[in-house]
Amino acid sequence: MRRLSRNTGEVWVPKVGWVRFRWSRQVPQDIKSFRVRLDRAGRWHVAFAVVPESVKGPGTGEIVGIDRGVAVSAALSTGELLHCPSLAAPQRGRLRRLERKLARGMRGSERRKRVRLAAARLKARSADIRKDWCEKTSTDTAERFDVIRVEDLKIRIMTRSARGSIEQPGRNVRAKAGLNREIMRSGWGLLVRRLEDKAPSRVQKIRPAYTSQRCPACGHIAAGSRKSQALFHCVACGYTLNADVNAARNIAAGHAVTARGGLRDTGPANREPQPVLLPAA
């Protein structure tokens, strides 16, 4: 590998020779291995094997909770509401038209191949935008906080199809499919994975049960306190807060367990079980 200019480099590919590429980020000069691949959008990439250094925390001991959602991609316990960007409205409309045209196209035809490639390029652009947001958000979070707590969500199970089978067809299939797309578009899994890469041993996963129903002021748990997607109003003490920020603060609190692993008693005996702090995967 050698550098030609600020934005251009070359890599030696066996049986091919020197191949020029766009230099998109800083990499060490003593790289021993790399991989060249072609993605579905027709773009060639060269990836070098590098183990990046972890991001150092501020050393203040500050803890942040992150609640992931659809309307708000990531809500921080500090009150920040982060939204994962996506394609612009004209691009989304063009993608829908291309997908309809692709469904009507004749398999194996050159026209269908061109339509498939055009749709793949738009989807790849959407994925690049999401990845860029996750990279920047994870770096900023790892630099600002020493302990990062997130919900232990089973995303693969949450995004399963609701179609069912011929014998037992699913219900609200289209609505569930739309919800699955929004979950994937929000980058839930990628954000946490990059946080774990950049802040190893500083990311803790919290059991998600009742984090959206618990009042951080009095500890009361009630489904009726969640008035809407954006509003939390405690039915016991009247505490009001943005619903996503409220969940993030419950996640940040962690609901610590006792030395023997049992739940710490914080209220009446008939209260619902509290979320338990789980070790990071």
Protein backbone atom coordinates (compact mmCIF):
# COMPACT_ATOMS: atom_id res chain seq x y z
CA MET A 1 0.00 0.00 0.00
CA ARG A 2 1.23 3.47 -0.82
CA ARG A 3 -0.18 6.97 -0.76
CA LEU A 4 -0.26 9.06 -3.91
CA SER A 5 -1.95 12.23 -2.68
CA ARG A 6 -4.16 13.52 0.10
CA ASN A 7 -7.25 11.63 -1.15
CA THR A 8 -5.73 8.88 -3.29
CA GLY A 9 -3.78 5.73 -2.58
CA GLU A 10 -2.80 2.46 -4.25
CA VAL A 11 -2.81 -1.12 -3.05
CA TRP A 12 -1.08 -4.12 -4.63
CA VAL A 13 -3.61 -6.82 -5.55
CA PRO A 14 -2.03 -10.17 -6.52
CA LYS A 15 -2.47 -11.07 -10.22
CA VAL A 16 -3.96 -7.62 -10.83
CA GLY A 17 -1.28 -5.11 -9.90
CA TRP A 18 -1.56 -1.67 -8.34
CA VAL A 19 -5.19 -0.63 -7.85
CA ARG A 20 -6.02 2.97 -7.04
CA PHE A 21 -8.57 3.81 -4.33
CA ARG A 22 -9.99 6.83 -2.55
CA TRP A 23 -8.26 7.38 0.82
CA SER A 24 -11.24 7.96 3.15
CA ARG A 25 -9.56 7.66 6.58
CA GLN A 26 -6.18 7.42 8.29
CA VAL A 27 -4.72 3.90 8.53
CA PRO A 28 -1.27 2.70 9.66
CA GLN A 29 1.34 2.08 6.98
CA ASP A 30 2.26 -1.42 8.22
CA ILE A 31 -1.01 -3.09 7.19
CA LYS A 32 -0.53 -6.78 6.39
CA SER A 33 -3.94 -7.82 5.06
CA PHE A 34 -6.92 -6.32 3.30
CA ARG A 35 -10.10 -7.35 1.53
CA VAL A 36 -11.57 -6.15 -1.78
CA ARG A 37 -15.28 -6.61 -2.34
CA LEU A 38 -18.12 -5.50 -4.58
CA ASP A 39 -21.36 -4.43 -2.87
CA ARG A 40 -24.88 -4.75 -4.23
CA ALA A 41 -24.85 -1.13 -5.43
CA GLY A 42 -21.96 -1.86 -7.81
CA ARG A 43 -19.30 -0.14 -5.69
CA TRP A 44 -15.85 -1.59 -5.05
CA HIS A 45 -14.36 -1.27 -1.56
CA VAL A 46 -11.00 -2.10 -0.06
CA ALA A 47 -10.97 -2.76 3.70
CA PHE A 48 -7.74 -2.97 5.73
CA ALA A 49 -7.48 -5.12 8.86
CA VAL A 50 -6.88 -2.68 11.72
CA VAL A 51 -7.77 -2.90 15.41
CA PRO A 52 -8.72 0.69 16.33
CA GLU A 53 -7.93 2.16 19.73
CA SER A 54 -10.79 2.61 22.16
CA VAL A 55 -12.17 6.06 22.94
CA LYS A 56 -11.13 7.38 26.34
CA GLY A 57 -13.85 8.60 28.66
CA PRO A 58 -13.76 11.95 30.48
CA GLY A 59 -12.91 10.34 33.84
CA THR A 60 -15.68 12.14 35.70
CA GLY A 61 -17.73 9.04 36.47
CA GLU A 62 -20.77 10.45 34.70
CA ILE A 63 -23.45 7.92 33.71
CA VAL A 64 -25.85 8.21 30.78
CA GLY A 65 -28.87 6.14 29.84
CA ILE A 66 -29.96 5.69 26.24
CA ASP A 67 -33.51 4.78 25.27
CA ARG A 68 -33.90 3.66 21.66
CA GLY A 69 -37.16 4.22 19.82
CA VAL A 70 -38.77 4.82 16.45
CA ALA A 71 -40.06 8.40 16.68
CA VAL A 72 -36.86 9.33 18.54
CA SER A 73 -33.94 7.13 17.51
CA ALA A 74 -32.01 7.69 20.74
CA ALA A 75 -33.09 9.64 23.83
CA LEU A 76 -30.40 10.42 26.39
CA SER A 77 -31.01 10.79 30.11
CA THR A 78 -29.55 14.29 29.79
CA GLY A 79 -32.66 15.31 27.84
CA GLU A 80 -31.16 15.14 24.35
CA LEU A 81 -33.35 13.68 21.60
CA LEU A 82 -31.36 12.28 18.67
CA HIS A 83 -32.85 11.39 15.29
CA CYS A 84 -31.16 9.10 12.80
CA PRO A 85 -31.26 10.82 9.38
CA SER A 86 -32.50 9.03 6.29
CA LEU A 87 -33.12 9.68 2.61
CA ALA A 88 -34.85 12.89 1.65
CA ALA A 89 -38.54 12.74 0.68
CA PRO A 90 -37.88 12.88 -3.11
CA GLN A 91 -35.37 10.03 -2.81
CA ARG A 92 -37.78 7.93 -0.75
CA GLY A 93 -40.47 8.49 -3.38
CA ARG A 94 -38.10 7.48 -6.14
CA LEU A 95 -37.13 4.35 -4.23
CA ARG A 96 -40.79 3.33 -3.89
CA ARG A 97 -41.34 3.84 -7.62
CA LEU A 98 -38.25 1.79 -8.44
CA GLU A 99 -39.38 -1.05 -6.17
CA ARG A 100 -42.80 -1.14 -7.85
CA LYS A 101 -41.15 -1.15 -11.25
CA LEU A 102 -38.81 -3.91 -10.10
CA ALA A 103 -41.75 -6.06 -8.99
CA ARG A 104 -43.36 -5.72 -12.44
CA GLY A 105 -40.15 -6.31 -14.40
CA MET A 106 -39.37 -9.50 -16.27
CA ARG A 107 -36.80 -11.59 -14.47
CA GLY A 108 -33.50 -11.81 -16.31
CA SER A 109 -34.12 -8.73 -18.49
CA GLU A 110 -31.53 -5.98 -18.81
CA ARG A 111 -34.09 -3.31 -17.90
CA ARG A 112 -34.88 -5.07 -14.63
CA LYS A 113 -31.17 -5.28 -13.85
CA ARG A 114 -30.82 -1.52 -14.33
CA VAL A 115 -33.82 -0.85 -12.09
CA ARG A 116 -32.48 -3.23 -9.42
CA LEU A 117 -29.10 -1.46 -9.48
CA ALA A 118 -30.70 1.99 -9.19
CA ALA A 119 -32.77 0.84 -6.19
CA ALA A 120 -29.71 -0.78 -4.61
CA ARG A 121 -27.76 2.47 -4.90
CA LEU A 122 -30.48 4.38 -3.04
CA LYS A 123 -30.63 1.72 -0.31
CA ALA A 124 -26.84 1.79 -0.01
CA ARG A 125 -26.95 5.57 0.36
CA SER A 126 -29.53 5.22 3.15
CA ALA A 127 -27.30 2.66 4.89
CA ASP A 128 -24.28 4.97 4.54
CA ILE A 129 -26.21 7.86 6.12
CA ARG A 130 -27.29 5.64 9.01
CA LYS A 131 -23.78 4.30 9.53
CA ASP A 132 -22.29 7.81 9.52
CA TRP A 133 -24.81 8.93 12.17
CA CYS A 134 -24.10 5.91 14.36
CA GLU A 135 -20.34 6.47 14.10
CA LYS A 136 -20.55 10.13 15.08
CA THR A 137 -23.11 9.56 17.83
CA SER A 138 -21.20 6.65 19.38
CA THR A 139 -17.91 8.58 19.35
CA ASP A 140 -19.49 11.65 20.93
CA THR A 141 -21.22 9.56 23.61
CA ALA A 142 -18.07 7.56 24.43
CA GLU A 143 -16.08 10.79 24.84
CA ARG A 144 -18.64 12.50 27.09
CA PHE A 145 -19.62 9.72 29.51
CA ASP A 146 -17.75 7.10 31.51
CA VAL A 147 -20.62 4.61 31.88
CA ILE A 148 -23.16 4.08 29.11
CA ARG A 149 -26.30 2.12 29.90
CA VAL A 150 -28.68 0.81 27.23
CA GLU A 151 -31.64 -1.54 27.14
CA ASP A 152 -30.89 -5.20 26.49
CA LEU A 153 -33.21 -5.46 23.46
CA LYS A 154 -33.60 -8.61 21.37
CA ILE A 155 -33.78 -6.78 18.05
CA ARG A 156 -33.83 -9.89 15.87
CA ILE A 157 -36.86 -11.22 17.74
CA MET A 158 -38.57 -7.82 17.73
CA THR A 159 -38.26 -7.50 13.94
CA ARG A 160 -39.59 -10.95 13.04
CA SER A 161 -42.23 -11.03 10.32
CA ALA A 162 -45.88 -11.27 11.38
CA ARG A 163 -47.04 -13.04 8.22
CA GLY A 164 -47.50 -16.40 9.94
CA SER A 165 -48.42 -19.44 7.85
CA ILE A 166 -51.27 -20.55 5.61
CA GLU A 167 -52.85 -22.45 8.50
CA GLN A 168 -52.34 -19.60 10.97
CA PRO A 169 -52.04 -16.30 9.07
CA GLY A 170 -50.68 -13.31 10.94
CA ARG A 171 -52.53 -10.18 12.03
CA ASN A 172 -51.71 -6.54 11.19
CA VAL A 173 -48.98 -7.78 8.88
CA ARG A 174 -48.50 -4.51 6.99
CA ALA A 175 -48.36 -2.46 10.19
CA LYS A 176 -45.80 -4.84 11.70
CA ALA A 177 -43.72 -4.74 8.51
CA GLY A 178 -43.70 -0.94 8.66
CA LEU A 179 -42.64 -1.02 12.31
CA ASN A 180 -39.83 -3.46 11.47
CA ARG A 181 -38.56 -1.13 8.73
CA GLU A 182 -38.53 1.84 11.11
CA ILE A 183 -36.65 -0.15 13.76
CA MET A 184 -34.00 -1.16 11.23
CA ARG A 185 -33.84 2.40 9.86
CA SER A 186 -33.14 3.78 13.34
CA GLY A 187 -29.89 1.82 13.64
CA TRP A 188 -30.57 0.35 17.11
CA GLY A 189 -28.14 -2.55 16.84
CA LEU A 190 -25.37 -0.68 15.02
CA LEU A 191 -25.33 2.15 17.58
CA VAL A 192 -24.85 -0.20 20.53
CA ARG A 193 -22.34 -2.35 18.67
CA ARG A 194 -20.17 0.67 17.89
CA LEU A 195 -20.48 1.89 21.49
CA GLU A 196 -19.20 -1.49 22.69
CA ASP A 197 -16.31 -1.28 20.22
CA LYS A 198 -15.30 2.25 21.20
CA ALA A 199 -16.00 2.02 24.94
CA PRO A 200 -15.27 -1.59 25.91
CA SER A 201 -16.24 -2.51 29.49
CA ARG A 202 -18.04 0.83 29.84
CA VAL A 203 -21.31 -0.22 28.15
CA GLN A 204 -23.84 -1.91 30.43
CA LYS A 205 -27.07 -3.55 29.30
CA ILE A 206 -30.18 -3.08 31.43
CA ARG A 207 -33.25 -5.29 31.51
CA PRO A 208 -35.89 -3.21 29.69
CA ALA A 209 -38.94 -4.27 31.72
CA TYR A 210 -41.00 -1.32 33.03
CA THR A 211 -38.42 1.35 32.14
CA SER A 212 -41.09 3.29 30.23
CA GLN A 213 -43.70 2.94 33.01
CA ARG A 214 -41.61 3.75 36.09
CA CYS A 215 -41.59 7.23 37.59
CA PRO A 216 -38.03 8.35 38.40
CA ALA A 217 -39.33 10.74 41.06
CA CYS A 218 -41.42 8.42 43.26
CA GLY A 219 -40.67 4.98 41.80
CA HIS A 220 -44.35 4.18 41.09
CA ILE A 221 -44.95 1.82 38.14
CA ALA A 222 -48.16 2.11 36.12
CA ALA A 223 -48.98 1.63 32.44
CA GLY A 224 -51.38 4.57 32.64
CA SER A 225 -48.51 6.96 33.34
CA ARG A 226 -47.43 6.65 29.71
CA LYS A 227 -50.05 8.99 28.27
CA SER A 228 -48.74 8.97 24.71
CA GLN A 229 -45.62 8.31 22.70
CA ALA A 230 -44.07 11.60 23.85
CA LEU A 231 -45.66 12.25 27.27
CA PHE A 232 -45.10 10.63 30.66
CA HIS A 233 -47.31 11.82 33.51
CA CYS A 234 -47.10 9.87 36.75
CA VAL A 235 -50.56 8.91 38.06
CA ALA A 236 -49.21 8.83 41.63
CA CYS A 237 -47.20 12.04 42.07
CA GLY A 238 -47.97 14.02 38.92
CA TYR A 239 -44.35 14.08 37.71
CA THR A 240 -44.28 15.01 34.00
CA LEU A 241 -41.50 14.49 31.49
CA ASN A 242 -40.86 13.50 27.91
CA ALA A 243 -41.61 9.78 27.78
CA ASP A 244 -38.38 8.83 26.01
CA VAL A 245 -36.22 10.90 28.36
CA ASN A 246 -38.07 9.36 31.31
CA ALA A 247 -37.20 5.86 30.09
CA ALA A 248 -33.59 6.92 29.52
CA ARG A 249 -33.33 8.18 33.11
CA ASN A 250 -34.65 4.89 34.43
CA ILE A 251 -32.06 3.10 32.30
CA ALA A 252 -29.32 5.42 33.60
CA ALA A 253 -30.38 4.69 37.19
CA GLY A 254 -29.73 1.02 36.48
CA HIS A 255 -31.92 -0.18 39.36
CA ALA A 256 -28.87 -1.73 41.05
CA VAL A 257 -29.15 -5.19 42.56
CA THR A 258 -28.08 -6.19 46.06
CA ALA A 259 -24.85 -7.97 46.84
CA ARG A 260 -26.60 -11.35 46.59
CA GLY A 261 -28.20 -10.50 43.26
CA GLY A 262 -31.69 -9.79 44.61
CA LEU A 263 -33.72 -6.69 43.94
CA ARG A 264 -33.36 -3.82 46.40
CA ASP A 265 -36.66 -3.07 48.12
CA THR A 266 -37.77 0.43 47.10
CA GLY A 267 -41.49 0.35 47.77
CA PRO A 268 -44.61 -1.69 48.55
CA ALA A 269 -44.41 -5.46 48.40
CA ASN A 270 -46.99 -5.67 45.61
CA ARG A 271 -44.95 -3.55 43.23
CA GLU A 272 -43.99 -4.98 39.86
CA PRO A 273 -40.47 -6.45 39.56
CA GLN A 274 -37.81 -3.83 38.89
CA PRO A 275 -35.37 -3.98 35.94
CA VAL A 276 -32.15 -5.77 36.81
CA LEU A 277 -28.67 -4.74 35.70
CA LEU A 278 -27.19 -7.33 33.38
CA PRO A 279 -23.53 -7.73 32.45
CA ALA A 280 -22.54 -6.50 29.02
CA ALA A 281 -22.42 -9.13 26.29
